[in-house]
PDB file of N, CA and C in Angstrom:
ATOM      1  N   MET A   1       0.671  96.133  22.282  1.00  0.00           N
ATOM      2  CA  MET A   1       0.646  95.017  23.201  1.00  0.00           C
ATOM      3  C   MET A   1      -0.714  94.998  23.894  1.00  0.00           C
ATOM      4  N   ILE A   2      -1.253  93.808  24.070  1.00  0.00           N
ATOM      5  CA  ILE A   2      -2.555  93.621  24.691  1.00  0.00           C
ATOM      6  C   ILE A   2      -2.377  93.252  26.161  1.00  0.00           C
ATOM      7  N   THR A   3      -3.253  93.745  26.988  1.00  0.00           N
ATOM      8  CA  THR A   3      -3.252  93.404  28.401  1.00  0.00           C
ATOM      9  C   THR A   3      -4.296  92.315  28.640  1.00  0.00           C
ATOM     10  N   LYS A   4      -3.897  91.274  29.373  1.00  0.00           N
ATOM     11  CA  LYS A   4      -4.792  90.166  29.715  1.00  0.00           C
ATOM     12  C   LYS A   4      -4.812  89.993  31.229  1.00  0.00           C
ATOM     13  N   SER A   5      -5.951  89.626  31.745  1.00  0.00           N
ATOM     14  CA  SER A   5      -6.071  89.282  33.159  1.00  0.00           C
ATOM     15  C   SER A   5      -6.278  87.780  33.254  1.00  0.00           C
ATOM     16  N   ILE A   6      -5.491  87.128  34.118  1.00  0.00           N
ATOM     17  CA  ILE A   6      -5.629  85.683  34.292  1.00  0.00           C
ATOM     18  C   ILE A   6      -5.563  85.345  35.783  1.00  0.00           C
ATOM     19  N   ARG A   7      -6.169  84.229  36.119  1.00  0.00           N
ATOM     20  CA  ARG A   7      -6.049  83.707  37.482  1.00  0.00           C
ATOM     21  C   ARG A   7      -4.911  82.714  37.488  1.00  0.00           C
ATOM     22  N   MET A   8      -4.072  82.802  38.517  1.00  0.00           N
ATOM     23  CA  MET A   8      -2.932  81.882  38.608  1.00  0.00           C
ATOM     24  C   MET A   8      -2.914  81.214  39.971  1.00  0.00           C
ATOM     25  N   PRO A   9      -2.611  79.923  39.960  1.00  0.00           N
ATOM     26  CA  PRO A   9      -2.487  79.222  41.245  1.00  0.00           C
ATOM     27  C   PRO A   9      -1.218  79.680  41.978  1.00  0.00           C
ATOM     28  N   ASP A  10      -1.195  79.410  43.265  1.00  0.00           N
ATOM     29  CA  ASP A  10      -0.087  79.859  44.109  1.00  0.00           C
ATOM     30  C   ASP A  10       1.274  79.350  43.629  1.00  0.00           C
ATOM     31  N   ASP A  11       1.325  78.114  43.113  1.00  0.00           N
ATOM     32  CA  ASP A  11       2.624  77.584  42.698  1.00  0.00           C
ATOM     33  C   ASP A  11       3.202  78.360  41.511  1.00  0.00           C
ATOM     34  N   LEU A  12       2.342  78.837  40.611  1.00  0.00           N
ATOM     35  CA  LEU A  12       2.840  79.653  39.497  1.00  0.00           C
ATOM     36  C   LEU A  12       3.288  81.024  39.984  1.00  0.00           C
ATOM     37  N   LEU A  13       2.562  81.585  40.928  1.00  0.00           N
ATOM     38  CA  LEU A  13       2.972  82.871  41.500  1.00  0.00           C
ATOM     39  C   LEU A  13       4.324  82.751  42.189  1.00  0.00           C
ATOM     40  N   GLU A  14       4.527  81.627  42.838  1.00  0.00           N
ATOM     41  CA  GLU A  14       5.814  81.393  43.497  1.00  0.00           C
ATOM     42  C   GLU A  14       6.936  81.268  42.463  1.00  0.00           C
ATOM     43  N   ALA A  15       6.666  80.590  41.351  1.00  0.00           N
ATOM     44  CA  ALA A  15       7.665  80.464  40.286  1.00  0.00           C
ATOM     45  C   ALA A  15       8.023  81.832  39.718  1.00  0.00           C
ATOM     46  N   ILE A  16       7.039  82.672  39.540  1.00  0.00           N
ATOM     47  CA  ILE A  16       7.287  84.025  39.031  1.00  0.00           C
ATOM     48  C   ILE A  16       8.152  84.803  40.008  1.00  0.00           C
ATOM     49  N   THR A  17       7.865  84.667  41.289  1.00  0.00           N
ATOM     50  CA  THR A  17       8.653  85.349  42.318  1.00  0.00           C
ATOM     51  C   THR A  17      10.105  84.883  42.299  1.00  0.00           C
ATOM     52  N   VAL A  18      10.313  83.597  42.118  1.00  0.00           N
ATOM     53  CA  VAL A  18      11.681  83.064  42.039  1.00  0.00           C
ATOM     54  C   VAL A  18      12.432  83.703  40.869  1.00  0.00           C
ATOM     55  N   VAL A  19      11.798  83.764  39.709  1.00  0.00           N
ATOM     56  CA  VAL A  19      12.440  84.350  38.527  1.00  0.00           C
ATOM     57  C   VAL A  19      12.722  85.833  38.767  1.00  0.00           C
ATOM     58  N   GLU A  20      11.768  86.539  39.348  1.00  0.00           N
ATOM     59  CA  GLU A  20      11.947  87.961  39.675  1.00  0.00           C
ATOM     60  C   GLU A  20      13.203  88.175  40.516  1.00  0.00           C
ATOM     61  N   LYS A  21      13.304  87.411  41.586  1.00  0.00           N
ATOM     62  CA  LYS A  21      14.412  87.591  42.527  1.00  0.00           C
ATOM     63  C   LYS A  21      15.744  87.149  41.933  1.00  0.00           C
ATOM     64  N   GLU A  22      15.760  86.000  41.268  1.00  0.00           N
ATOM     65  CA  GLU A  22      17.008  85.471  40.708  1.00  0.00           C
ATOM     66  C   GLU A  22      17.570  86.364  39.605  1.00  0.00           C
ATOM     67  N   GLU A  23      16.689  86.918  38.784  1.00  0.00           N
ATOM     68  CA  GLU A  23      17.139  87.708  37.641  1.00  0.00           C
ATOM     69  C   GLU A  23      17.014  89.208  37.872  1.00  0.00           C
ATOM     70  N   LYS A  24      16.483  89.569  39.041  1.00  0.00           N
ATOM     71  CA  LYS A  24      16.308  90.979  39.397  1.00  0.00           C
ATOM     72  C   LYS A  24      15.542  91.728  38.298  1.00  0.00           C
ATOM     73  N   ILE A  25      14.351  91.191  37.993  1.00  0.00           N
ATOM     74  CA  ILE A  25      13.487  91.779  36.983  1.00  0.00           C
ATOM     75  C   ILE A  25      12.100  91.997  37.565  1.00  0.00           C
ATOM     76  N   GLU A  26      11.305  92.801  36.880  1.00  0.00           N
ATOM     77  CA  GLU A  26       9.937  93.070  37.333  1.00  0.00           C
ATOM     78  C   GLU A  26       9.050  91.842  37.130  1.00  0.00           C
ATOM     79  N   GLU A  27       7.953  91.820  37.866  1.00  0.00           N
ATOM     80  CA  GLU A  27       7.016  90.704  37.803  1.00  0.00           C
ATOM     81  C   GLU A  27       6.512  90.471  36.375  1.00  0.00           C
ATOM     82  N   THR A  28       6.109  91.529  35.688  1.00  0.00           N
ATOM     83  CA  THR A  28       5.568  91.366  34.333  1.00  0.00           C
ATOM     84  C   THR A  28       6.616  90.815  33.374  1.00  0.00           C
ATOM     85  N   THR A  29       7.867  91.223  33.547  1.00  0.00           N
ATOM     86  CA  THR A  29       8.945  90.702  32.708  1.00  0.00           C
ATOM     87  C   THR A  29       9.169  89.222  32.996  1.00  0.00           C
ATOM     88  N   ALA A  30       9.098  88.835  34.263  1.00  0.00           N
ATOM     89  CA  ALA A  30       9.252  87.427  34.642  1.00  0.00           C
ATOM     90  C   ALA A  30       8.127  86.585  34.045  1.00  0.00           C
ATOM     91  N   ILE A  31       6.914  87.103  34.069  1.00  0.00           N
ATOM     92  CA  ILE A  31       5.776  86.374  33.506  1.00  0.00           C
ATOM     93  C   ILE A  31       5.974  86.183  32.008  1.00  0.00           C
ATOM     94  N   ARG A  32       6.341  87.256  31.296  1.00  0.00           N
ATOM     95  CA  ARG A  32       6.564  87.148  29.846  1.00  0.00           C
ATOM     96  C   ARG A  32       7.690  86.162  29.538  1.00  0.00           C
ATOM     97  N   LYS A  33       8.739  86.200  30.342  1.00  0.00           N
ATOM     98  CA  LYS A  33       9.865  85.282  30.130  1.00  0.00           C
ATOM     99  C   LYS A  33       9.432  83.830  30.294  1.00  0.00           C
ATOM    100  N   LEU A  34       8.681  83.533  31.338  1.00  0.00           N
ATOM    101  CA  LEU A  34       8.228  82.165  31.575  1.00  0.00           C
ATOM    102  C   LEU A  34       7.258  81.695  30.493  1.00  0.00           C
ATOM    103  N   ILE A  35       6.406  82.581  30.026  1.00  0.00           N
ATOM    104  CA  ILE A  35       5.486  82.214  28.946  1.00  0.00           C
ATOM    105  C   ILE A  35       6.273  81.913  27.678  1.00  0.00           C
ATOM    106  N   LYS A  36       7.271  82.733  27.376  1.00  0.00           N
ATOM    107  CA  LYS A  36       8.083  82.509  26.170  1.00  0.00           C
ATOM    108  C   LYS A  36       8.823  81.177  26.256  1.00  0.00           C
ATOM    109  N   ILE A  37       9.416  80.893  27.404  1.00  0.00           N
ATOM    110  CA  ILE A  37      10.125  79.622  27.590  1.00  0.00           C
ATOM    111  C   ILE A  37       9.161  78.451  27.425  1.00  0.00           C
ATOM    112  N   GLY A  38       7.981  78.580  27.998  1.00  0.00           N
ATOM    113  CA  GLY A  38       6.977  77.527  27.865  1.00  0.00           C
ATOM    114  C   GLY A  38       6.562  77.311  26.424  1.00  0.00           C
ATOM    115  N   TYR A  39       6.374  78.397  25.688  1.00  0.00           N
ATOM    116  CA  TYR A  39       5.981  78.295  24.274  1.00  0.00           C
ATOM    117  C   TYR A  39       7.088  77.665  23.445  1.00  0.00           C
ATOM    118  N   GLU A  40       8.321  78.079  23.679  1.00  0.00           N
ATOM    119  CA  GLU A  40       9.457  77.485  22.956  1.00  0.00           C
ATOM    120  C   GLU A  40       9.570  75.989  23.249  1.00  0.00           C
ATOM    121  N   THR A  41       9.346  75.618  24.486  1.00  0.00           N
ATOM    122  CA  THR A  41       9.387  74.209  24.865  1.00  0.00           C
ATOM    123  C   THR A  41       8.262  73.438  24.184  1.00  0.00           C
ATOM    124  N   TYR A  42       7.082  74.002  24.167  1.00  0.00           N
ATOM    125  CA  TYR A  42       5.930  73.371  23.522  1.00  0.00           C
ATOM    126  C   TYR A  42       6.196  73.154  22.032  1.00  0.00           C
ATOM    127  N   ILE A  43       6.687  74.190  21.360  1.00  0.00           N
ATOM    128  CA  ILE A  43       6.992  74.107  19.933  1.00  0.00           C
ATOM    129  C   ILE A  43       8.095  73.073  19.685  1.00  0.00           C
ATOM    130  N   SER A  44       9.115  73.060  20.540  1.00  0.00           N
ATOM    131  CA  SER A  44      10.207  72.083  20.409  1.00  0.00           C
ATOM    132  C   SER A  44       9.688  70.656  20.552  1.00  0.00           C
ATOM    133  N   ASP A  45       8.774  70.447  21.475  1.00  0.00           N
ATOM    134  CA  ASP A  45       8.184  69.118  21.674  1.00  0.00           C
ATOM    135  C   ASP A  45       7.376  68.684  20.450  1.00  0.00           C
ATOM    136  N   LEU A  46       6.656  69.622  19.849  1.00  0.00           N
ATOM    137  CA  LEU A  46       5.901  69.299  18.629  1.00  0.00           C
ATOM    138  C   LEU A  46       6.844  68.918  17.488  1.00  0.00           C
ATOM    139  N   TYR A  47       7.957  69.618  17.380  1.00  0.00           N
ATOM    140  CA  TYR A  47       8.955  69.291  16.352  1.00  0.00           C
ATOM    141  C   TYR A  47       9.528  67.897  16.600  1.00  0.00           C
ATOM    142  N   LYS A  48       9.882  67.643  17.844  1.00  0.00           N
ATOM    143  CA  LYS A  48      10.455  66.346  18.211  1.00  0.00           C
ATOM    144  C   LYS A  48       9.492  65.207  17.891  1.00  0.00           C
ATOM    145  N   ALA A  49       8.198  65.455  18.044  1.00  0.00           N
ATOM    146  CA  ALA A  49       7.177  64.453  17.762  1.00  0.00           C
ATOM    147  C   ALA A  49       6.872  64.344  16.270  1.00  0.00           C
ATOM    148  N   GLY A  50       7.524  65.168  15.458  1.00  0.00           N
ATOM    149  CA  GLY A  50       7.319  65.114  14.013  1.00  0.00           C
ATOM    150  C   GLY A  50       6.088  65.861  13.537  1.00  0.00           C
ATOM    151  N   LYS A  51       5.515  66.689  14.383  1.00  0.00           N
ATOM    152  CA  LYS A  51       4.301  67.412  14.025  1.00  0.00           C
ATOM    153  C   LYS A  51       4.583  68.772  13.396  1.00  0.00           C
ATOM    154  N   LEU A  52       5.810  69.270  13.531  1.00  0.00           N
ATOM    155  CA  LEU A  52       6.194  70.549  12.949  1.00  0.00           C
ATOM    156  C   LEU A  52       7.504  70.390  12.186  1.00  0.00           C
ATOM    157  N   SER A  53       7.675  71.217  11.174  1.00  0.00           N
ATOM    158  CA  SER A  53       8.937  71.262  10.443  1.00  0.00           C
ATOM    159  C   SER A  53       9.794  72.395  11.009  1.00  0.00           C
ATOM    160  N   LEU A  54      11.034  72.446  10.570  1.00  0.00           N
ATOM    161  CA  LEU A  54      11.919  73.527  10.974  1.00  0.00           C
ATOM    162  C   LEU A  54      11.364  74.866  10.495  1.00  0.00           C
ATOM    163  N   ALA A  55      10.796  74.871   9.296  1.00  0.00           N
ATOM    164  CA  ALA A  55      10.183  76.099   8.760  1.00  0.00           C
ATOM    165  C   ALA A  55       9.003  76.531   9.637  1.00  0.00           C
ATOM    166  N   ASP A  56       8.228  75.568  10.129  1.00  0.00           N
ATOM    167  CA  ASP A  56       7.108  75.890  11.023  1.00  0.00           C
ATOM    168  C   ASP A  56       7.612  76.565  12.296  1.00  0.00           C
ATOM    169  N   ILE A  57       8.653  75.993  12.882  1.00  0.00           N
ATOM    170  CA  ILE A  57       9.217  76.558  14.110  1.00  0.00           C
ATOM    171  C   ILE A  57       9.670  77.987  13.862  1.00  0.00           C
ATOM    172  N   SER A  58      10.368  78.198  12.758  1.00  0.00           N
ATOM    173  CA  SER A  58      10.845  79.540  12.421  1.00  0.00           C
ATOM    174  C   SER A  58       9.694  80.520  12.323  1.00  0.00           C
ATOM    175  N   ARG A  59       8.646  80.106  11.646  1.00  0.00           N
ATOM    176  CA  ARG A  59       7.486  80.976  11.459  1.00  0.00           C
ATOM    177  C   ARG A  59       6.779  81.250  12.793  1.00  0.00           C
ATOM    178  N   TYR A  60       6.538  80.213  13.576  1.00  0.00           N
ATOM    179  CA  TYR A  60       5.830  80.393  14.845  1.00  0.00           C
ATOM    180  C   TYR A  60       6.601  81.268  15.838  1.00  0.00           C
ATOM    181  N   LEU A  61       7.920  81.109  15.858  1.00  0.00           N
ATOM    182  CA  LEU A  61       8.723  81.837  16.837  1.00  0.00           C
ATOM    183  C   LEU A  61       9.296  83.142  16.289  1.00  0.00           C
ATOM    184  N   GLY A  62       9.128  83.379  14.991  1.00  0.00           N
ATOM    185  CA  GLY A  62       9.634  84.614  14.405  1.00  0.00           C
ATOM    186  C   GLY A  62      11.151  84.684  14.372  1.00  0.00           C
ATOM    187  N   ILE A  63      11.782  83.524  14.127  1.00  0.00           N
ATOM    188  CA  ILE A  63      13.239  83.458  14.043  1.00  0.00           C
ATOM    189  C   ILE A  63      13.620  82.753  12.747  1.00  0.00           C
ATOM    190  N   ASN A  64      14.899  82.874  12.345  1.00  0.00           N
ATOM    191  CA  ASN A  64      15.313  82.163  11.134  1.00  0.00           C
ATOM    192  C   ASN A  64      15.617  80.702  11.464  1.00  0.00           C
ATOM    193  N   GLN A  65      15.843  79.896  10.435  1.00  0.00           N
ATOM    194  CA  GLN A  65      16.004  78.455  10.651  1.00  0.00           C
ATOM    195  C   GLN A  65      17.288  78.112  11.398  1.00  0.00           C
ATOM    196  N   ILE A  66      18.331  78.902  11.223  1.00  0.00           N
ATOM    197  CA  ILE A  66      19.567  78.667  11.992  1.00  0.00           C
ATOM    198  C   ILE A  66      19.292  78.876  13.476  1.00  0.00           C
ATOM    199  N   GLU A  67      18.584  79.957  13.805  1.00  0.00           N
ATOM    200  CA  GLU A  67      18.229  80.206  15.205  1.00  0.00           C
ATOM    201  C   GLU A  67      17.316  79.108  15.740  1.00  0.00           C
ATOM    202  N   ALA A  68      16.422  78.603  14.895  1.00  0.00           N
ATOM    203  CA  ALA A  68      15.544  77.507  15.309  1.00  0.00           C
ATOM    204  C   ALA A  68      16.366  76.260  15.622  1.00  0.00           C
ATOM    205  N   LEU A  69      17.344  75.954  14.774  1.00  0.00           N
ATOM    206  CA  LEU A  69      18.221  74.806  15.027  1.00  0.00           C
ATOM    207  C   LEU A  69      18.986  74.984  16.333  1.00  0.00           C
ATOM    208  N   GLU A  70      19.480  76.198  16.576  1.00  0.00           N
ATOM    209  CA  GLU A  70      20.212  76.471  17.819  1.00  0.00           C
ATOM    210  C   GLU A  70      19.305  76.300  19.037  1.00  0.00           C
ATOM    211  N   LEU A  71      18.066  76.761  18.917  1.00  0.00           N
ATOM    212  CA  LEU A  71      17.103  76.594  20.008  1.00  0.00           C
ATOM    213  C   LEU A  71      16.855  75.113  20.286  1.00  0.00           C
ATOM    214  N   LEU A  72      16.615  74.356  19.229  1.00  0.00           N
ATOM    215  CA  LEU A  72      16.380  72.921  19.385  1.00  0.00           C
ATOM    216  C   LEU A  72      17.590  72.240  20.018  1.00  0.00           C
ATOM    217  N   HIS A  73      18.770  72.595  19.545  1.00  0.00           N
ATOM    218  CA  HIS A  73      19.997  72.006  20.094  1.00  0.00           C
ATOM    219  C   HIS A  73      20.138  72.334  21.582  1.00  0.00           C
ATOM    220  N   SER A  74      19.840  73.583  21.951  1.00  0.00           N
ATOM    221  CA  SER A  74      19.967  73.984  23.364  1.00  0.00           C
ATOM    222  C   SER A  74      18.968  73.237  24.250  1.00  0.00           C
ATOM    223  N   ARG A  75      17.886  72.755  23.657  1.00  0.00           N
ATOM    224  CA  ARG A  75      16.874  71.999  24.404  1.00  0.00           C
ATOM    225  C   ARG A  75      17.089  70.488  24.294  1.00  0.00           C
ATOM    226  N   GLY A  76      18.185  70.095  23.624  1.00  0.00           N
ATOM    227  CA  GLY A  76      18.509  68.678  23.522  1.00  0.00           C
ATOM    228  C   GLY A  76      17.697  67.925  22.487  1.00  0.00           C
ATOM    229  N   VAL A  77      17.056  68.648  21.567  1.00  0.00           N
ATOM    230  CA  VAL A  77      16.270  68.012  20.516  1.00  0.00           C
ATOM    231  C   VAL A  77      17.179  67.809  19.316  1.00  0.00           C
ATOM    232  N   LYS A  78      17.384  66.554  18.935  1.00  0.00           N
ATOM    233  CA  LYS A  78      18.325  66.241  17.866  1.00  0.00           C
ATOM    234  C   LYS A  78      17.696  66.313  16.487  1.00  0.00           C
ATOM    235  N   GLY A  79      16.435  66.091  16.378  1.00  0.00           N
ATOM    236  CA  GLY A  79      15.779  66.134  15.082  1.00  0.00           C
ATOM    237  C   GLY A  79      14.622  65.177  15.043  1.00  0.00           C
ATOM    238  N   ASN A  80      13.862  65.291  13.967  1.00  0.00           N
ATOM    239  CA  ASN A  80      12.698  64.416  13.862  1.00  0.00           C
ATOM    240  C   ASN A  80      12.722  63.608  12.570  1.00  0.00           C
ATOM    241  N   LEU A  81      13.899  63.482  11.976  1.00  0.00           N
ATOM    242  CA  LEU A  81      14.040  62.684  10.754  1.00  0.00           C
ATOM    243  C   LEU A  81      14.728  61.370  11.076  1.00  0.00           C
ATOM    244  N   ASP A  82      14.286  60.313  10.418  1.00  0.00           N
ATOM    245  CA  ASP A  82      15.020  59.060  10.536  1.00  0.00           C
ATOM    246  C   ASP A  82      15.767  58.821   9.226  1.00  0.00           C
ATOM    247  N   SER A  83      16.517  57.748   9.142  1.00  0.00           N
ATOM    248  CA  SER A  83      17.349  57.489   7.962  1.00  0.00           C
ATOM    249  C   SER A  83      16.507  57.340   6.694  1.00  0.00           C
ATOM    250  N   ALA A  84      15.309  56.791   6.807  1.00  0.00           N
ATOM    251  CA  ALA A  84      14.445  56.640   5.631  1.00  0.00           C
ATOM    252  C   ALA A  84      14.053  58.012   5.071  1.00  0.00           C
ATOM    253  N   ASP A  85      13.791  58.977   5.954  1.00  0.00           N
ATOM    254  CA  ASP A  85      13.467  60.331   5.503  1.00  0.00           C
ATOM    255  C   ASP A  85      14.639  60.958   4.758  1.00  0.00           C
ATOM    256  N   VAL A  86      15.825  60.778   5.295  1.00  0.00           N
ATOM    257  CA  VAL A  86      17.027  61.340   4.671  1.00  0.00           C
ATOM    258  C   VAL A  86      17.252  60.697   3.308  1.00  0.00           C
ATOM    259  N   MET A  87      17.138  59.392   3.221  1.00  0.00           N
ATOM    260  CA  MET A  87      17.346  58.697   1.944  1.00  0.00           C
ATOM    261  C   MET A  87      16.315  59.144   0.907  1.00  0.00           C
ATOM    262  N   ARG A  88      15.069  59.292   1.321  1.00  0.00           N
ATOM    263  CA  ARG A  88      14.015  59.744   0.414  1.00  0.00           C
ATOM    264  C   ARG A  88      14.329  61.154  -0.108  1.00  0.00           C
ATOM    265  N   SER A  89      14.798  62.020   0.754  1.00  0.00           N
ATOM    266  CA  SER A  89      15.165  63.376   0.343  1.00  0.00           C
ATOM    267  C   SER A  89      16.322  63.363  -0.636  1.00  0.00           C
ATOM    268  N   LEU A  90      17.319  62.517  -0.381  1.00  0.00           N
ATOM    269  CA  LEU A  90      18.466  62.417  -1.289  1.00  0.00           C
ATOM    270  C   LEU A  90      18.047  61.874  -2.655  1.00  0.00           C
ATOM    271  N   GLU A  91      17.160  60.906  -2.647  1.00  0.00           N
ATOM    272  CA  GLU A  91      16.666  60.351  -3.914  1.00  0.00           C
ATOM    273  C   GLU A  91      15.891  61.411  -4.701  1.00  0.00           C
ATOM    274  N   ASN A  92      15.053  62.176  -4.025  1.00  0.00           N
ATOM    275  CA  ASN A  92      14.308  63.244  -4.672  1.00  0.00           C
ATOM    276  C   ASN A  92      15.252  64.306  -5.219  1.00  0.00           C
ATOM    277  N   PHE A  93      16.287  64.618  -4.484  1.00  0.00           N
ATOM    278  CA  PHE A  93      17.278  65.605  -4.927  1.00  0.00           C
ATOM    279  C   PHE A  93      18.002  65.100  -6.166  1.00  0.00           C
ATOM    280  N   ALA A  94      18.374  63.823  -6.164  1.00  0.00           N
ATOM    281  CA  ALA A  94      19.100  63.250  -7.294  1.00  0.00           C
ATOM    282  C   ALA A  94      18.240  63.248  -8.561  1.00  0.00           C
ATOM    283  N   ARG A  95      16.945  63.055  -8.417  1.00  0.00           N
ATOM    284  CA  ARG A  95      16.045  63.052  -9.574  1.00  0.00           C
ATOM    285  C   ARG A  95      15.835  64.448 -10.169  1.00  0.00           C
ATOM    286  N   ALA A  96      15.941  65.454  -9.332  1.00  0.00           N
ATOM    287  CA  ALA A  96      15.639  66.839  -9.770  1.00  0.00           C
ATOM    288  C   ALA A  96      16.681  67.431 -10.672  1.00  0.00           C
TER     289      ALA A  96
END
């Protein structure tokens, strides 16, 4: 694990303190937790915008595709395919 030094504004320090107290965890654990949540949210937003595939999410987050689907579902992301995408996939499958 690598150690990094960063400057943080007061509002982020306050958020870390809230997580520390609510979850009764150390400051460094709270920081890692918030960074992970932020990264998962960022990746989920990219998927929702159609910029990432489910396989991309799995690879970036180091989880399998079922876990990626569960993560997306827990964040209220329904998917990034429309009916035309589904029909095109079915047509390609039928040809194969």
